[in-house]
Amino acid sequence: MASGIRATVAFAAPTGCPVARSAVAADAAVESVATSVSANDRPVTEFLLDSPADGVDAEPVFSYGDTDVYRVEHAGECPCSCLGSFGCPIHRYVAEPGDLTLVFHAESFERLQEVMATLREEFPSADVKQLLQPPLSGSPDDRRFVNRGKLTDRQLEVLRAAYREGYFERPKGANATELAEELGISRSTFTEHLVAAQRKLFADVFDEG
């Protein structure tokens, strides 16, 4: 049996995806609680939203105090349905107003190429963020999805420059002043963007939402 590949792919939130639509309607991030396949082979996803979530095109099926559980079925112009047609199980959704990120499994690199060719044809904004091939280190609870899509373009530019030039190495390959000059910004602005980027990524690493 092939070990498979785990892929993280981001989309400019497709209106055909009910999870993405729910995130836009509720103006809140949505992460899946569970995903299954219904009798008609369509993926079904259950997710949590703080209530009331006005504008969501679905009725809650259960409530936990101030939080409601929604259940939606994927069909038509939806990346999730496309993945289902290839038999690629979805590991995680992250839907935010304007963006949808899917983490899914492909049985082989060849199958992944087929899937991505179809996704890019149907959803031109599809962008591969990460590919992982087992064995993965650590327990399942140790593995975290880090969403770099949280970063602004400037934060990503600053973080990438710092990493590339050895800012995080010991001894440092470059200091903040040098990197700020390279990027054409002040040292304080460089530090501000770097700290903001790290805080966002660390929130994913430590599962702090």
Protein backbone atom coordinates (compact mmCIF):
# COMPACT_ATOMS: atom_id res chain seq x y z
CA MET A 1 0.00 0.00 0.00
CA ALA A 2 1.39 3.43 -0.99
CA SER A 3 2.18 5.81 1.86
CA GLY A 4 0.49 8.69 0.08
CA ILE A 5 0.96 12.45 0.20
CA ARG A 6 -0.73 15.08 2.33
CA ALA A 7 -1.32 18.30 0.41
CA THR A 8 -2.38 21.73 1.67
CA VAL A 9 -4.07 23.80 -1.03
CA ALA A 10 -5.59 27.27 -0.70
CA PHE A 11 -8.33 28.83 -2.82
CA ALA A 12 -9.89 32.26 -3.14
CA ALA A 13 -13.12 31.21 -1.41
CA PRO A 14 -15.23 29.47 -4.08
CA THR A 15 -18.91 30.40 -3.86
CA GLY A 16 -19.83 26.80 -4.69
CA CYS A 17 -18.39 25.50 -1.42
CA PRO A 18 -20.97 25.60 1.41
CA VAL A 19 -18.23 25.79 4.06
CA ALA A 20 -16.67 28.82 2.35
CA ARG A 21 -20.10 30.44 1.96
CA SER A 22 -20.80 29.91 5.65
CA ALA A 23 -17.53 31.61 6.62
CA VAL A 24 -18.43 34.64 4.48
CA ALA A 25 -22.01 34.78 5.79
CA ALA A 26 -20.94 34.50 9.43
CA ASP A 27 -17.85 36.71 8.91
CA ALA A 28 -15.91 34.16 10.96
CA ALA A 29 -13.38 31.38 10.52
CA VAL A 30 -14.83 27.90 10.09
CA GLU A 31 -12.98 24.64 10.77
CA SER A 32 -14.51 21.22 10.19
CA VAL A 33 -15.50 18.98 13.05
CA ALA A 34 -16.08 15.91 10.90
CA THR A 35 -16.30 14.95 7.25
CA SER A 36 -17.94 11.86 5.77
CA VAL A 37 -19.36 10.66 2.47
CA SER A 38 -23.12 10.43 2.05
CA ALA A 39 -25.05 7.73 0.22
CA ASN A 40 -24.81 9.70 -3.03
CA ASP A 41 -20.99 9.93 -2.69
CA ARG A 42 -21.06 13.62 -1.82
CA PRO A 43 -18.86 14.84 1.07
CA VAL A 44 -20.78 15.97 4.14
CA THR A 45 -19.14 18.32 6.63
CA GLU A 46 -20.12 19.30 10.16
CA PHE A 47 -18.65 22.42 11.69
CA LEU A 48 -19.05 24.80 14.62
CA LEU A 49 -20.06 28.46 14.61
CA ASP A 50 -20.84 30.80 17.46
CA SER A 51 -24.56 31.51 17.56
CA PRO A 52 -26.36 33.33 16.23
CA ALA A 53 -24.70 32.95 12.79
CA ASP A 54 -27.01 35.10 10.69
CA GLY A 55 -27.00 34.52 6.95
CA VAL A 56 -25.66 30.95 7.00
CA ASP A 57 -27.48 28.89 4.36
CA ALA A 58 -28.06 25.93 6.68
CA GLU A 59 -29.93 25.14 9.85
CA PRO A 60 -27.97 24.05 12.94
CA VAL A 61 -28.42 20.38 13.79
CA PHE A 62 -27.23 20.67 17.38
CA SER A 63 -26.23 23.31 19.92
CA TYR A 64 -23.58 23.47 22.63
CA GLY A 65 -24.55 26.51 24.67
CA ASP A 66 -23.51 29.50 22.55
CA THR A 67 -22.13 27.31 19.74
CA ASP A 68 -24.11 25.61 16.98
CA VAL A 69 -23.20 22.57 14.88
CA TYR A 70 -24.01 22.85 11.17
CA ARG A 71 -24.13 20.06 8.61
CA VAL A 72 -23.71 20.78 4.89
CA GLU A 73 -23.44 18.63 1.77
CA HIS A 74 -20.96 19.50 -0.97
CA ALA A 75 -22.09 19.42 -4.58
CA GLY A 76 -21.47 21.13 -7.90
CA GLU A 77 -18.76 23.81 -8.18
CA CYS A 78 -16.88 22.87 -5.02
CA PRO A 79 -13.24 21.76 -4.53
CA CYS A 80 -14.42 19.29 -1.89
CA SER A 81 -16.67 17.53 -4.41
CA CYS A 82 -13.78 17.45 -6.88
CA LEU A 83 -11.54 15.77 -4.30
CA GLY A 84 -14.32 13.29 -3.51
CA SER A 85 -14.50 12.30 -7.18
CA PHE A 86 -10.81 11.36 -7.02
CA GLY A 87 -11.23 9.44 -3.78
CA CYS A 88 -8.98 11.88 -1.88
CA PRO A 89 -10.05 12.11 1.79
CA ILE A 90 -10.07 15.60 3.27
CA HIS A 91 -8.13 15.89 6.52
CA ARG A 92 -8.96 19.48 7.43
CA TYR A 93 -10.82 22.59 6.31
CA VAL A 94 -9.92 26.15 7.22
CA ALA A 95 -12.46 28.59 5.80
CA GLU A 96 -12.14 32.30 6.42
CA PRO A 97 -14.04 35.12 4.71
CA GLY A 98 -12.44 35.25 1.28
CA ASP A 99 -10.24 32.13 1.60
CA LEU A 100 -10.60 28.36 1.78
CA THR A 101 -7.74 26.02 2.68
CA LEU A 102 -8.04 22.25 2.32
CA VAL A 103 -5.67 19.60 3.66
CA PHE A 104 -6.22 16.31 1.86
CA HIS A 105 -4.55 12.98 1.09
CA ALA A 106 -3.57 11.63 -2.33
CA GLU A 107 -2.51 8.00 -2.74
CA SER A 108 0.47 8.87 -4.96
CA PHE A 109 2.30 11.77 -6.56
CA GLU A 110 0.78 10.82 -9.92
CA ARG A 111 -2.74 11.02 -8.46
CA LEU A 112 -1.86 14.35 -6.84
CA GLN A 113 -0.80 15.70 -10.24
CA GLU A 114 -4.14 14.60 -11.72
CA VAL A 115 -6.06 16.19 -8.86
CA MET A 116 -4.16 19.47 -9.04
CA ALA A 117 -4.59 19.68 -12.83
CA THR A 118 -8.35 19.37 -12.41
CA LEU A 119 -8.50 21.75 -9.44
CA ARG A 120 -6.51 24.42 -11.29
CA GLU A 121 -8.73 24.05 -14.34
CA GLU A 122 -11.92 24.45 -12.31
CA PHE A 123 -10.51 26.83 -9.67
CA PRO A 124 -7.67 28.95 -11.13
CA SER A 125 -6.83 30.42 -7.71
CA ALA A 126 -5.73 26.97 -6.38
CA ASP A 127 -2.34 27.40 -4.70
CA VAL A 128 -0.30 24.54 -3.20
CA LYS A 129 0.98 25.63 0.21
CA GLN A 130 2.56 22.45 1.50
CA LEU A 131 3.23 18.82 0.58
CA LEU A 132 4.11 16.19 3.18
CA GLN A 133 4.95 12.55 2.63
CA PRO A 134 4.93 10.06 5.54
CA PRO A 135 6.45 8.95 7.75
CA LEU A 136 5.68 12.09 9.73
CA SER A 137 7.45 12.57 13.05
CA GLY A 138 5.61 12.91 16.33
CA SER A 139 2.16 11.78 17.39
CA PRO A 140 -0.98 12.89 15.50
CA ASP A 141 -1.58 15.51 18.22
CA ASP A 142 1.90 16.93 17.57
CA ARG A 143 1.19 17.63 13.90
CA ARG A 144 -0.14 21.09 13.28
CA PHE A 145 -1.40 22.84 10.18
CA VAL A 146 0.39 26.18 9.90
CA ASN A 147 -1.58 28.58 7.73
CA ARG A 148 0.84 31.09 6.23
CA GLY A 149 -2.14 32.62 4.45
CA LYS A 150 -2.76 34.52 7.70
CA LEU A 151 0.27 36.68 6.94
CA THR A 152 0.07 39.90 5.01
CA ASP A 153 2.29 40.21 1.93
CA ARG A 154 4.68 42.45 3.87
CA GLN A 155 4.84 40.10 6.87
CA LEU A 156 5.62 37.17 4.58
CA GLU A 157 8.30 39.19 2.77
CA VAL A 158 9.97 40.18 6.05
CA LEU A 159 9.82 36.64 7.47
CA ARG A 160 11.18 35.11 4.27
CA ALA A 161 14.06 37.61 4.13
CA ALA A 162 14.93 36.96 7.78
CA TYR A 163 14.99 33.21 7.21
CA ARG A 164 16.91 33.45 3.93
CA GLU A 165 19.61 35.72 5.33
CA GLY A 166 20.16 33.69 8.50
CA TYR A 167 18.53 36.05 11.00
CA PHE A 168 17.37 33.08 13.11
CA GLU A 169 20.72 31.28 13.06
CA ARG A 170 23.40 31.45 15.76
CA PRO A 171 25.55 33.33 15.08
CA LYS A 172 23.20 35.49 13.02
CA GLY A 173 23.80 35.78 9.30
CA ALA A 174 22.18 39.23 9.30
CA ASN A 175 20.78 41.59 11.90
CA ALA A 176 17.55 43.59 11.93
CA THR A 177 19.20 46.79 10.77
CA GLU A 178 20.77 45.11 7.74
CA LEU A 179 17.56 43.39 6.76
CA ALA A 180 15.52 46.56 7.19
CA GLU A 181 17.90 48.39 4.86
CA GLU A 182 17.67 45.57 2.32
CA LEU A 183 13.86 45.79 2.38
CA GLY A 184 13.81 49.59 2.34
CA ILE A 185 11.99 49.97 5.66
CA SER A 186 12.89 51.20 9.13
CA ARG A 187 14.29 48.85 11.75
CA SER A 188 11.20 49.34 13.93
CA THR A 189 8.90 48.51 11.01
CA PHE A 190 10.94 45.39 10.26
CA THR A 191 10.67 44.25 13.88
CA GLU A 192 6.94 45.01 13.98
CA HIS A 193 6.22 42.90 10.88
CA LEU A 194 8.49 40.06 12.06
CA VAL A 195 6.89 39.85 15.50
CA ALA A 196 3.37 39.97 14.02
CA ALA A 197 4.21 37.17 11.57
CA GLN A 198 5.72 34.98 14.28
CA ARG A 199 2.75 35.55 16.59
CA LYS A 200 0.30 34.42 13.87
CA LEU A 201 2.28 31.29 13.02
CA PHE A 202 2.92 30.38 16.65
CA ALA A 203 -0.85 30.53 17.28
CA ASP A 204 -1.19 27.62 14.82
CA VAL A 205 1.81 25.72 16.23
CA PHE A 206 0.42 25.92 19.77
CA ASP A 207 -3.21 25.54 18.64
CA GLU A 208 -4.34 28.82 20.10
CA GLY A 209 -6.84 29.63 17.35
